[in-house]
Amino acid sequence: MRLRALAAAAALVFAAAAAAEQPYVDLEKRLNAEELRATGLDALTPAQLALLNRLLRDDTKKVVETVKAEAEVAQAAKIEAVKAEASAQQAVQVEAAKAEAMREASEPGGKFFGHDESPIKSRLKGSITSWEPGTVFELENGQRWKVLKGSLTLRMTLESPEVQVIAGIAGRWFLEVDEDMPKARVYRID
């Protein structure tokens, strides 16, 4: 989309430049005898016709110069807008990367926590019917885990089920309610 806008602006500049390079054609060369009579130009003296051609030539030149200048300004503005948008997108990406790095660093043991950790086995306090990102699970051993990714709605409510929190690679943890069900990606919040 941005490239199309830049291409259109460049085409406008080139068209204006091309128009400026084309010579002005005098009226008596553009029009046939009948058209000269119909417009009344045949009644002008050669000096009047020369003056009219000069005025039109100068006016055409001014219009072409104005269009060319406006196209250059528009192209420069579009280039600046594209640069500003790219800079803003880069800033958003940098902030997202910083947030992800801080989140990973705040997980227990840092980025590589969980490579050789054994599962944490406990029971959930209370009942469970579903989970989604943001759901907090409290275990009987006192640990609290929050769902980062994954969602599931159970067919029936489970009361204080036995669960495992299983370590994955690169500091990821997964809450398993039943080995045959999808796991929720979680992180410890206490």
N, C-alpha and C. Protein backbone atom coordinates (compact mmCIF):
# COMPACT_ATOMS: atom_id res chain seq x y z
N MET A 1 0.84 -1.19 0.00
CA MET A 1 0.00 0.00 0.00
C MET A 1 0.88 1.25 0.00
N ARG A 2 1.90 1.27 0.87
CA ARG A 2 2.78 2.43 0.93
C ARG A 2 3.58 2.56 -0.35
N LEU A 3 4.00 1.42 -0.90
CA LEU A 3 4.77 1.45 -2.13
C LEU A 3 3.94 1.99 -3.28
N ARG A 4 2.65 1.65 -3.30
CA ARG A 4 1.77 2.18 -4.35
C ARG A 4 1.67 3.69 -4.26
N ALA A 5 1.55 4.21 -3.05
CA ALA A 5 1.44 5.66 -2.85
C ALA A 5 2.72 6.35 -3.31
N LEU A 6 3.87 5.77 -2.98
CA LEU A 6 5.13 6.36 -3.42
C LEU A 6 5.26 6.30 -4.94
N ALA A 7 4.86 5.18 -5.52
CA ALA A 7 4.93 5.03 -6.98
C ALA A 7 4.02 6.05 -7.66
N ALA A 8 2.83 6.26 -7.12
CA ALA A 8 1.90 7.23 -7.70
C ALA A 8 2.47 8.64 -7.62
N ALA A 9 3.07 8.97 -6.49
CA ALA A 9 3.67 10.30 -6.34
C ALA A 9 4.84 10.48 -7.30
N ALA A 10 5.65 9.44 -7.44
CA ALA A 10 6.78 9.53 -8.38
C ALA A 10 6.28 9.67 -9.81
N ALA A 11 5.23 8.95 -10.17
CA ALA A 11 4.67 9.04 -11.52
C ALA A 11 4.15 10.45 -11.78
N LEU A 12 3.54 11.07 -10.78
CA LEU A 12 3.03 12.43 -10.94
C LEU A 12 4.18 13.41 -11.18
N VAL A 13 5.28 13.25 -10.45
CA VAL A 13 6.44 14.12 -10.63
C VAL A 13 7.01 13.95 -12.04
N PHE A 14 7.14 12.69 -12.48
CA PHE A 14 7.69 12.44 -13.82
C PHE A 14 6.76 12.96 -14.91
N ALA A 15 5.44 12.83 -14.72
CA ALA A 15 4.48 13.33 -15.70
C ALA A 15 4.57 14.85 -15.80
N ALA A 16 4.70 15.51 -14.66
CA ALA A 16 4.82 16.97 -14.66
C ALA A 16 6.12 17.39 -15.34
N ALA A 17 7.20 16.67 -15.09
CA ALA A 17 8.48 16.98 -15.72
C ALA A 17 8.40 16.78 -17.23
N ALA A 18 7.74 15.70 -17.64
CA ALA A 18 7.58 15.42 -19.08
C ALA A 18 6.75 16.51 -19.75
N ALA A 19 5.69 16.94 -19.07
CA ALA A 19 4.84 17.99 -19.64
C ALA A 19 5.62 19.30 -19.76
N ALA A 20 6.50 19.56 -18.81
CA ALA A 20 7.28 20.80 -18.85
C ALA A 20 8.27 20.78 -20.00
N GLU A 21 8.74 19.61 -20.41
CA GLU A 21 9.71 19.50 -21.48
C GLU A 21 9.07 19.59 -22.87
N GLN A 22 7.76 19.36 -22.96
CA GLN A 22 7.09 19.43 -24.26
C GLN A 22 6.88 20.89 -24.62
N PRO A 23 7.25 21.28 -25.84
CA PRO A 23 7.11 22.69 -26.21
C PRO A 23 5.64 23.08 -26.40
N TYR A 24 5.38 24.34 -26.16
CA TYR A 24 4.04 24.88 -26.39
C TYR A 24 3.80 24.99 -27.89
N VAL A 25 2.61 24.62 -28.34
CA VAL A 25 2.26 24.69 -29.75
C VAL A 25 1.33 25.90 -29.93
N ASP A 26 1.72 26.80 -30.83
CA ASP A 26 0.93 28.01 -31.07
C ASP A 26 -0.48 27.65 -31.51
N LEU A 27 -1.43 28.55 -31.20
CA LEU A 27 -2.84 28.32 -31.51
C LEU A 27 -3.10 28.12 -33.00
N GLU A 28 -2.44 28.93 -33.84
CA GLU A 28 -2.69 28.83 -35.28
C GLU A 28 -2.20 27.51 -35.87
N LYS A 29 -1.31 26.82 -35.12
CA LYS A 29 -0.83 25.50 -35.56
C LYS A 29 -1.73 24.38 -35.01
N ARG A 30 -2.40 24.65 -33.91
CA ARG A 30 -3.28 23.65 -33.29
C ARG A 30 -4.64 23.58 -33.98
N LEU A 31 -5.13 24.74 -34.44
CA LEU A 31 -6.49 24.84 -34.96
C LEU A 31 -6.47 24.96 -36.50
N ASN A 32 -7.50 24.39 -37.12
CA ASN A 32 -7.62 24.56 -38.58
C ASN A 32 -8.34 25.88 -38.86
N ALA A 33 -8.48 26.21 -40.12
CA ALA A 33 -9.08 27.51 -40.52
C ALA A 33 -10.49 27.66 -39.99
N GLU A 34 -11.26 26.59 -40.05
CA GLU A 34 -12.65 26.66 -39.57
C GLU A 34 -12.69 26.91 -38.06
N GLU A 35 -11.83 26.26 -37.30
CA GLU A 35 -11.79 26.44 -35.84
C GLU A 35 -11.31 27.84 -35.48
N LEU A 36 -10.35 28.37 -36.25
CA LEU A 36 -9.89 29.75 -36.02
C LEU A 36 -11.03 30.74 -36.24
N ARG A 37 -11.83 30.53 -37.31
CA ARG A 37 -12.99 31.39 -37.58
C ARG A 37 -14.03 31.26 -36.47
N ALA A 38 -14.33 30.01 -36.05
CA ALA A 38 -15.37 29.77 -35.04
C ALA A 38 -15.01 30.42 -33.70
N THR A 39 -13.73 30.49 -33.37
CA THR A 39 -13.32 31.07 -32.09
C THR A 39 -13.04 32.57 -32.19
N GLY A 40 -13.01 33.09 -33.44
CA GLY A 40 -12.76 34.52 -33.62
C GLY A 40 -11.28 34.85 -33.64
N LEU A 41 -10.42 33.85 -33.59
CA LEU A 41 -8.98 34.10 -33.58
C LEU A 41 -8.48 34.59 -34.94
N ASP A 42 -9.22 34.32 -36.00
CA ASP A 42 -8.80 34.76 -37.33
C ASP A 42 -8.89 36.29 -37.46
N ALA A 43 -9.65 36.94 -36.57
CA ALA A 43 -9.82 38.40 -36.61
C ALA A 43 -8.67 39.12 -35.90
N LEU A 44 -7.80 38.37 -35.20
CA LEU A 44 -6.69 39.00 -34.48
C LEU A 44 -5.57 39.35 -35.45
N THR A 45 -4.87 40.41 -35.12
CA THR A 45 -3.69 40.77 -35.91
C THR A 45 -2.58 39.79 -35.55
N PRO A 46 -1.56 39.67 -36.39
CA PRO A 46 -0.44 38.78 -36.05
C PRO A 46 0.20 39.15 -34.71
N ALA A 47 0.26 40.43 -34.37
CA ALA A 47 0.86 40.85 -33.09
C ALA A 47 -0.03 40.40 -31.92
N GLN A 48 -1.36 40.54 -32.09
CA GLN A 48 -2.28 40.10 -31.03
C GLN A 48 -2.20 38.58 -30.86
N LEU A 49 -2.15 37.84 -31.93
CA LEU A 49 -2.05 36.39 -31.86
C LEU A 49 -0.73 35.96 -31.21
N ALA A 50 0.36 36.67 -31.54
CA ALA A 50 1.66 36.37 -30.93
C ALA A 50 1.60 36.64 -29.42
N LEU A 51 0.96 37.76 -29.03
CA LEU A 51 0.83 38.09 -27.60
C LEU A 51 0.00 37.02 -26.88
N LEU A 52 -1.10 36.61 -27.48
CA LEU A 52 -1.95 35.58 -26.89
C LEU A 52 -1.18 34.26 -26.73
N ASN A 53 -0.44 33.88 -27.74
CA ASN A 53 0.37 32.66 -27.65
C ASN A 53 1.42 32.77 -26.55
N ARG A 54 2.07 33.93 -26.43
CA ARG A 54 3.08 34.13 -25.39
C ARG A 54 2.45 34.03 -24.00
N LEU A 55 1.29 34.67 -23.82
CA LEU A 55 0.61 34.62 -22.52
C LEU A 55 0.21 33.18 -22.16
N LEU A 56 -0.33 32.45 -23.14
CA LEU A 56 -0.72 31.05 -22.89
C LEU A 56 0.50 30.17 -22.61
N ARG A 57 1.60 30.42 -23.34
CA ARG A 57 2.84 29.67 -23.12
C ARG A 57 3.36 29.90 -21.70
N ASP A 58 3.39 31.16 -21.28
CA ASP A 58 3.86 31.50 -19.92
C ASP A 58 2.95 30.89 -18.85
N ASP A 59 1.63 30.98 -19.09
CA ASP A 59 0.67 30.42 -18.13
C ASP A 59 0.82 28.90 -18.03
N THR A 60 0.99 28.24 -19.17
CA THR A 60 1.17 26.78 -19.17
C THR A 60 2.43 26.41 -18.40
N LYS A 61 3.48 27.18 -18.62
CA LYS A 61 4.75 26.93 -17.92
C LYS A 61 4.56 27.07 -16.41
N LYS A 62 3.83 28.12 -15.97
CA LYS A 62 3.58 28.33 -14.53
C LYS A 62 2.76 27.17 -13.94
N VAL A 63 1.73 26.72 -14.67
CA VAL A 63 0.90 25.61 -14.20
C VAL A 63 1.73 24.34 -14.05
N VAL A 64 2.56 24.07 -15.06
CA VAL A 64 3.41 22.87 -15.01
C VAL A 64 4.38 22.95 -13.83
N GLU A 65 4.98 24.12 -13.62
CA GLU A 65 5.92 24.29 -12.50
C GLU A 65 5.20 24.12 -11.17
N THR A 66 3.99 24.65 -11.06
CA THR A 66 3.21 24.51 -9.82
C THR A 66 2.86 23.04 -9.56
N VAL A 67 2.39 22.35 -10.60
CA VAL A 67 2.05 20.93 -10.45
C VAL A 67 3.28 20.13 -10.06
N LYS A 68 4.40 20.41 -10.70
CA LYS A 68 5.64 19.70 -10.39
C LYS A 68 6.07 19.96 -8.93
N ALA A 69 6.01 21.21 -8.50
CA ALA A 69 6.39 21.55 -7.12
C ALA A 69 5.45 20.88 -6.12
N GLU A 70 4.13 20.89 -6.40
CA GLU A 70 3.16 20.25 -5.51
C GLU A 70 3.39 18.75 -5.45
N ALA A 71 3.73 18.14 -6.59
CA ALA A 71 3.98 16.69 -6.62
C ALA A 71 5.23 16.35 -5.82
N GLU A 72 6.26 17.18 -5.91
CA GLU A 72 7.48 16.94 -5.13
C GLU A 72 7.21 17.07 -3.64
N VAL A 73 6.43 18.07 -3.26
CA VAL A 73 6.07 18.24 -1.84
C VAL A 73 5.24 17.04 -1.35
N ALA A 74 4.29 16.61 -2.18
CA ALA A 74 3.45 15.46 -1.80
C ALA A 74 4.30 14.20 -1.67
N GLN A 75 5.24 14.02 -2.60
CA GLN A 75 6.10 12.83 -2.53
C GLN A 75 6.96 12.88 -1.28
N ALA A 76 7.52 14.02 -0.96
CA ALA A 76 8.34 14.15 0.24
C ALA A 76 7.51 13.88 1.49
N ALA A 77 6.27 14.37 1.51
CA ALA A 77 5.39 14.14 2.67
C ALA A 77 5.06 12.66 2.80
N LYS A 78 4.79 11.98 1.68
CA LYS A 78 4.49 10.54 1.73
C LYS A 78 5.70 9.76 2.22
N ILE A 79 6.89 10.12 1.75
CA ILE A 79 8.11 9.44 2.20
C ILE A 79 8.28 9.62 3.70
N GLU A 80 8.06 10.82 4.19
CA GLU A 80 8.19 11.08 5.64
C GLU A 80 7.14 10.29 6.43
N ALA A 81 5.93 10.19 5.89
CA ALA A 81 4.87 9.43 6.57
C ALA A 81 5.23 7.95 6.63
N VAL A 82 5.77 7.42 5.55
CA VAL A 82 6.18 6.01 5.53
C VAL A 82 7.30 5.78 6.53
N LYS A 83 8.26 6.70 6.57
CA LYS A 83 9.37 6.57 7.54
C LYS A 83 8.84 6.63 8.97
N ALA A 84 7.91 7.54 9.23
CA ALA A 84 7.35 7.67 10.58
C ALA A 84 6.58 6.41 10.98
N GLU A 85 5.81 5.87 10.03
CA GLU A 85 5.05 4.64 10.33
C GLU A 85 5.99 3.47 10.59
N ALA A 86 7.04 3.35 9.78
CA ALA A 86 8.02 2.28 9.97
C ALA A 86 8.71 2.42 11.33
N SER A 87 9.02 3.65 11.69
CA SER A 87 9.66 3.91 12.99
C SER A 87 8.73 3.54 14.14
N ALA A 88 7.45 3.88 13.99
CA ALA A 88 6.47 3.55 15.04
C ALA A 88 6.29 2.03 15.16
N GLN A 89 6.25 1.34 14.02
CA GLN A 89 6.12 -0.12 14.06
C GLN A 89 7.34 -0.76 14.70
N GLN A 90 8.51 -0.22 14.40
CA GLN A 90 9.74 -0.75 15.00
C GLN A 90 9.72 -0.53 16.51
N ALA A 91 9.24 0.62 16.95
CA ALA A 91 9.16 0.90 18.39
C ALA A 91 8.22 -0.07 19.08
N VAL A 92 7.08 -0.38 18.44
CA VAL A 92 6.13 -1.34 19.00
C VAL A 92 6.77 -2.72 19.11
N GLN A 93 7.52 -3.13 18.08
CA GLN A 93 8.17 -4.44 18.10
C GLN A 93 9.23 -4.50 19.19
N VAL A 94 9.98 -3.42 19.37
CA VAL A 94 11.00 -3.38 20.42
C VAL A 94 10.35 -3.49 21.80
N GLU A 95 9.24 -2.76 21.99
CA GLU A 95 8.55 -2.82 23.27
C GLU A 95 7.98 -4.22 23.53
N ALA A 96 7.45 -4.87 22.50
CA ALA A 96 6.92 -6.22 22.65
C ALA A 96 8.04 -7.19 23.01
N ALA A 97 9.20 -7.04 22.38
CA ALA A 97 10.34 -7.91 22.69
C ALA A 97 10.81 -7.68 24.12
N LYS A 98 10.82 -6.43 24.55
CA LYS A 98 11.21 -6.13 25.94
C LYS A 98 10.23 -6.77 26.93
N ALA A 99 8.94 -6.64 26.63
CA ALA A 99 7.92 -7.21 27.52
C ALA A 99 8.05 -8.73 27.60
N GLU A 100 8.29 -9.37 26.45
CA GLU A 100 8.46 -10.83 26.44
C GLU A 100 9.70 -11.23 27.23
N ALA A 101 10.79 -10.48 27.07
CA ALA A 101 12.02 -10.78 27.81
C ALA A 101 11.81 -10.61 29.31
N MET A 102 11.08 -9.57 29.70
CA MET A 102 10.81 -9.35 31.13
C MET A 102 9.91 -10.46 31.69
N ARG A 103 8.92 -10.88 30.89
CA ARG A 103 8.03 -11.95 31.35
C ARG A 103 8.82 -13.24 31.52
N GLU A 104 9.68 -13.56 30.55
CA GLU A 104 10.47 -14.78 30.64
C GLU A 104 11.44 -14.72 31.82
N ALA A 105 12.03 -13.52 32.04
CA ALA A 105 12.96 -13.37 33.15
C ALA A 105 12.25 -13.50 34.49
N SER A 106 10.96 -13.15 34.54
CA SER A 106 10.23 -13.22 35.80
C SER A 106 9.75 -14.63 36.12
N GLU A 107 9.82 -15.53 35.13
CA GLU A 107 9.43 -16.92 35.40
C GLU A 107 10.48 -17.54 36.31
N PRO A 108 10.09 -18.48 37.16
CA PRO A 108 11.04 -19.07 38.09
C PRO A 108 12.25 -19.64 37.36
N GLY A 109 13.42 -19.24 37.83
CA GLY A 109 14.65 -19.79 37.28
C GLY A 109 15.06 -19.17 35.95
N GLY A 110 14.33 -18.23 35.43
CA GLY A 110 14.72 -17.58 34.19
C GLY A 110 14.34 -18.36 32.95
N LYS A 111 15.00 -18.05 31.87
CA LYS A 111 14.63 -18.53 30.55
C LYS A 111 14.76 -20.04 30.38
N PHE A 112 15.73 -20.69 31.03
CA PHE A 112 15.96 -22.10 30.81
C PHE A 112 15.49 -22.97 31.97
N PHE A 113 14.67 -22.40 32.82
CA PHE A 113 14.12 -23.14 33.94
C PHE A 113 13.21 -24.23 33.41
N GLY A 114 13.35 -25.45 33.91
CA GLY A 114 12.44 -26.51 33.52
C GLY A 114 13.06 -27.58 32.66
N HIS A 115 14.32 -27.45 32.30
CA HIS A 115 14.94 -28.48 31.46
C HIS A 115 14.97 -29.84 32.14
N ASP A 116 15.29 -29.85 33.40
CA ASP A 116 15.40 -31.14 34.07
C ASP A 116 14.56 -31.19 35.35
N GLU A 117 13.49 -30.40 35.38
CA GLU A 117 12.61 -30.36 36.54
C GLU A 117 11.63 -31.52 36.48
N SER A 118 11.35 -32.09 37.64
CA SER A 118 10.35 -33.16 37.68
C SER A 118 8.97 -32.53 37.86
N PRO A 119 7.92 -33.25 37.46
CA PRO A 119 6.56 -32.69 37.58
C PRO A 119 6.19 -32.37 39.03
N ILE A 120 5.39 -31.33 39.17
CA ILE A 120 4.85 -30.96 40.48
C ILE A 120 3.47 -31.58 40.56
N LYS A 121 3.27 -32.46 41.55
CA LYS A 121 1.98 -33.14 41.69
C LYS A 121 1.27 -32.58 42.92
N SER A 122 0.01 -32.24 42.73
CA SER A 122 -0.79 -31.70 43.83
C SER A 122 -2.25 -31.79 43.41
N ARG A 123 -3.13 -31.21 44.23
CA ARG A 123 -4.55 -31.12 43.90
C ARG A 123 -4.91 -29.64 43.79
N LEU A 124 -5.90 -29.38 42.95
CA LEU A 124 -6.42 -28.03 42.86
C LEU A 124 -7.31 -27.75 44.05
N LYS A 125 -7.28 -26.53 44.53
CA LYS A 125 -8.22 -26.13 45.57
C LYS A 125 -9.53 -25.76 44.88
N GLY A 126 -10.63 -26.37 45.28
CA GLY A 126 -11.93 -26.04 44.70
C GLY A 126 -12.22 -26.85 43.45
N SER A 127 -13.15 -26.33 42.66
CA SER A 127 -13.60 -27.06 41.47
C SER A 127 -13.08 -26.37 40.21
N ILE A 128 -13.16 -27.11 39.11
CA ILE A 128 -12.71 -26.59 37.84
C ILE A 128 -13.70 -27.00 36.75
N THR A 129 -14.09 -26.03 35.93
CA THR A 129 -14.99 -26.32 34.81
C THR A 129 -14.36 -25.93 33.47
N SER A 130 -13.42 -24.96 33.52
CA SER A 130 -12.78 -24.50 32.29
C SER A 130 -11.56 -23.68 32.65
N TRP A 131 -10.79 -23.35 31.62
CA TRP A 131 -9.71 -22.38 31.77
C TRP A 131 -9.47 -21.66 30.46
N GLU A 132 -8.85 -20.50 30.58
CA GLU A 132 -8.49 -19.65 29.45
C GLU A 132 -7.37 -18.74 29.92
N PRO A 133 -6.70 -18.01 29.03
CA PRO A 133 -5.63 -17.12 29.48
C PRO A 133 -6.13 -16.18 30.58
N GLY A 134 -5.37 -16.13 31.67
CA GLY A 134 -5.73 -15.30 32.81
C GLY A 134 -6.31 -16.08 33.97
N THR A 135 -6.76 -17.32 33.74
CA THR A 135 -7.31 -18.13 34.82
C THR A 135 -6.19 -18.47 35.80
N VAL A 136 -6.48 -18.35 37.10
CA VAL A 136 -5.48 -18.67 38.13
C VAL A 136 -5.89 -19.96 38.83
N PHE A 137 -4.94 -20.89 38.92
CA PHE A 137 -5.15 -22.14 39.63
C PHE A 137 -4.36 -22.10 40.93
N GLU A 138 -5.02 -22.47 42.04
CA GLU A 138 -4.33 -22.55 43.32
C GLU A 138 -4.26 -24.01 43.71
N LEU A 139 -3.05 -24.46 43.99
CA LEU A 139 -2.83 -25.86 44.37
C LEU A 139 -2.85 -25.99 45.88
N GLU A 140 -3.11 -27.22 46.34
CA GLU A 140 -3.12 -27.47 47.78
C GLU A 140 -1.75 -27.28 48.41
N ASN A 141 -0.68 -27.40 47.62
CA ASN A 141 0.67 -27.18 48.16
C ASN A 141 1.00 -25.69 48.31
N GLY A 142 0.04 -24.80 47.98
CA GLY A 142 0.21 -23.37 48.17
C GLY A 142 0.65 -22.62 46.92
N GLN A 143 1.04 -23.33 45.90
CA GLN A 143 1.48 -22.66 44.67
C GLN A 143 0.27 -22.12 43.90
N ARG A 144 0.52 -20.99 43.20
CA ARG A 144 -0.51 -20.42 42.34
C ARG A 144 0.07 -20.30 40.94
N TRP A 145 -0.72 -20.77 39.95
CA TRP A 145 -0.29 -20.78 38.55
C TRP A 145 -1.34 -20.07 37.71
N LYS A 146 -0.88 -19.26 36.77
CA LYS A 146 -1.79 -18.50 35.91
C LYS A 146 -1.65 -19.00 34.47
N VAL A 147 -2.78 -19.15 33.80
CA VAL A 147 -2.79 -19.63 32.42
C VAL A 147 -2.30 -18.51 31.49
N LEU A 148 -1.29 -18.86 30.68
CA LEU A 148 -0.75 -17.93 29.69
C LEU A 148 -1.36 -18.21 28.32
N LYS A 149 -1.45 -19.50 27.97
CA LYS A 149 -2.01 -19.88 26.67
C LYS A 149 -2.84 -21.14 26.83
N GLY A 150 -3.86 -21.24 25.99
CA GLY A 150 -4.70 -22.43 25.98
C GLY A 150 -6.04 -22.17 26.65
N SER A 151 -7.04 -22.84 26.16
CA SER A 151 -8.36 -22.75 26.78
C SER A 151 -9.08 -24.07 26.57
N LEU A 152 -9.97 -24.40 27.50
CA LEU A 152 -10.70 -25.65 27.44
C LEU A 152 -11.92 -25.55 28.35
N THR A 153 -13.01 -26.12 27.91
CA THR A 153 -14.20 -26.24 28.75
C THR A 153 -14.43 -27.74 28.94
N LEU A 154 -14.50 -28.14 30.21
CA LEU A 154 -14.68 -29.56 30.53
C LEU A 154 -16.14 -29.97 30.35
N ARG A 155 -16.35 -31.24 30.11
CA ARG A 155 -17.72 -31.74 29.96
C ARG A 155 -18.46 -31.71 31.28
N MET A 156 -17.71 -31.89 32.38
CA MET A 156 -18.34 -31.83 33.70
C MET A 156 -17.37 -31.20 34.68
N THR A 157 -17.90 -30.64 35.74
CA THR A 157 -17.09 -29.99 36.76
C THR A 157 -16.31 -31.04 37.53
N LEU A 158 -15.03 -30.74 37.77
CA LEU A 158 -14.19 -31.62 38.57
C LEU A 158 -13.94 -30.96 39.92
N GLU A 159 -14.11 -31.72 40.99
CA GLU A 159 -13.89 -31.21 42.34
C GLU A 159 -12.50 -31.61 42.83
N SER A 160 -11.68 -30.60 43.13
CA SER A 160 -10.32 -30.80 43.65
C SER A 160 -9.58 -31.93 42.92
N PRO A 161 -9.46 -31.84 41.62
CA PRO A 161 -8.79 -32.93 40.90
C PRO A 161 -7.28 -32.94 41.17
N GLU A 162 -6.69 -34.10 41.02
CA GLU A 162 -5.25 -34.22 41.11
C GLU A 162 -4.69 -33.70 39.79
N VAL A 163 -3.64 -32.87 39.88
CA VAL A 163 -3.05 -32.27 38.68
C VAL A 163 -1.53 -32.40 38.74
N GLN A 164 -0.93 -32.19 37.60
CA GLN A 164 0.53 -32.13 37.52
C GLN A 164 0.90 -30.84 36.78
N VAL A 165 1.94 -30.20 37.26
CA VAL A 165 2.51 -29.08 36.53
C VAL A 165 3.83 -29.61 35.98
N ILE A 166 3.89 -29.68 34.64
CA ILE A 166 5.00 -30.33 33.97
C ILE A 166 5.89 -29.28 33.32
N ALA A 167 7.20 -29.44 33.54
CA ALA A 167 8.17 -28.51 32.95
C ALA A 167 8.38 -28.83 31.48
N GLY A 168 8.42 -27.79 30.67
CA GLY A 168 8.76 -27.93 29.26
C GLY A 168 10.14 -27.33 29.04
N ILE A 169 10.50 -27.12 27.81
CA ILE A 169 11.80 -26.51 27.54
C ILE A 169 11.71 -25.00 27.59
N ALA A 170 12.85 -24.37 27.80
CA ALA A 170 12.97 -22.91 27.81
C ALA A 170 12.05 -22.25 28.82
N GLY A 171 11.89 -22.87 29.96
CA GLY A 171 11.13 -22.25 31.05
C GLY A 171 9.63 -22.32 30.93
N ARG A 172 9.13 -23.13 30.04
CA ARG A 172 7.67 -23.24 29.90
C ARG A 172 7.15 -24.32 30.85
N TRP A 173 5.95 -24.06 31.37
CA TRP A 173 5.29 -25.01 32.28
C TRP A 173 3.88 -25.27 31.76
N PHE A 174 3.42 -26.49 31.98
CA PHE A 174 2.10 -26.88 31.49
C PHE A 174 1.32 -27.55 32.62
N LEU A 175 0.07 -27.14 32.78
CA LEU A 175 -0.81 -27.74 33.79
C LEU A 175 -1.58 -28.87 33.12
N GLU A 176 -1.49 -30.06 33.72
CA GLU A 176 -2.17 -31.23 33.18
C GLU A 176 -3.21 -31.70 34.18
N VAL A 177 -4.47 -31.70 33.76
CA VAL A 177 -5.55 -32.19 34.60
C VAL A 177 -5.73 -33.69 34.35
N ASP A 178 -5.61 -34.08 33.10
CA ASP A 178 -5.73 -35.48 32.69
C ASP A 178 -4.78 -35.66 31.52
N GLU A 179 -4.05 -36.75 31.47
CA GLU A 179 -3.06 -36.92 30.41
C GLU A 179 -3.67 -36.99 29.01
N ASP A 180 -4.95 -37.30 28.91
CA ASP A 180 -5.61 -37.38 27.61
C ASP A 180 -6.22 -36.04 27.16
N MET A 181 -6.12 -35.02 28.00
CA MET A 181 -6.70 -33.71 27.67
C MET A 181 -5.58 -32.72 27.33
N PRO A 182 -5.91 -31.69 26.56
CA PRO A 182 -4.91 -30.66 26.28
C PRO A 182 -4.45 -30.00 27.58
N LYS A 183 -3.22 -29.57 27.57
CA LYS A 183 -2.63 -28.91 28.75
C LYS A 183 -2.71 -27.40 28.58
N ALA A 184 -2.72 -26.72 29.70
CA ALA A 184 -2.71 -25.26 29.68
C ALA A 184 -1.27 -24.80 29.92
N ARG A 185 -0.79 -23.85 29.12
CA ARG A 185 0.54 -23.29 29.39
C ARG A 185 0.37 -22.29 30.53
N VAL A 186 1.15 -22.47 31.58
CA VAL A 186 1.01 -21.66 32.79
C VAL A 186 2.34 -21.09 33.25
N TYR A 187 2.27 -20.12 34.13
CA TYR A 187 3.47 -19.62 34.80
C TYR A 187 3.10 -19.33 36.25
N ARG A 188 4.11 -19.47 37.10
CA ARG A 188 3.88 -19.35 38.54
C ARG A 188 3.78 -17.88 38.93
N ILE A 189 2.80 -17.55 39.78
CA ILE A 189 2.60 -16.15 40.15
C ILE A 189 2.81 -15.89 41.63
N ASP A 190 3.20 -16.88 42.40
CA ASP A 190 3.47 -16.62 43.83
C ASP A 190 4.93 -16.72 44.15
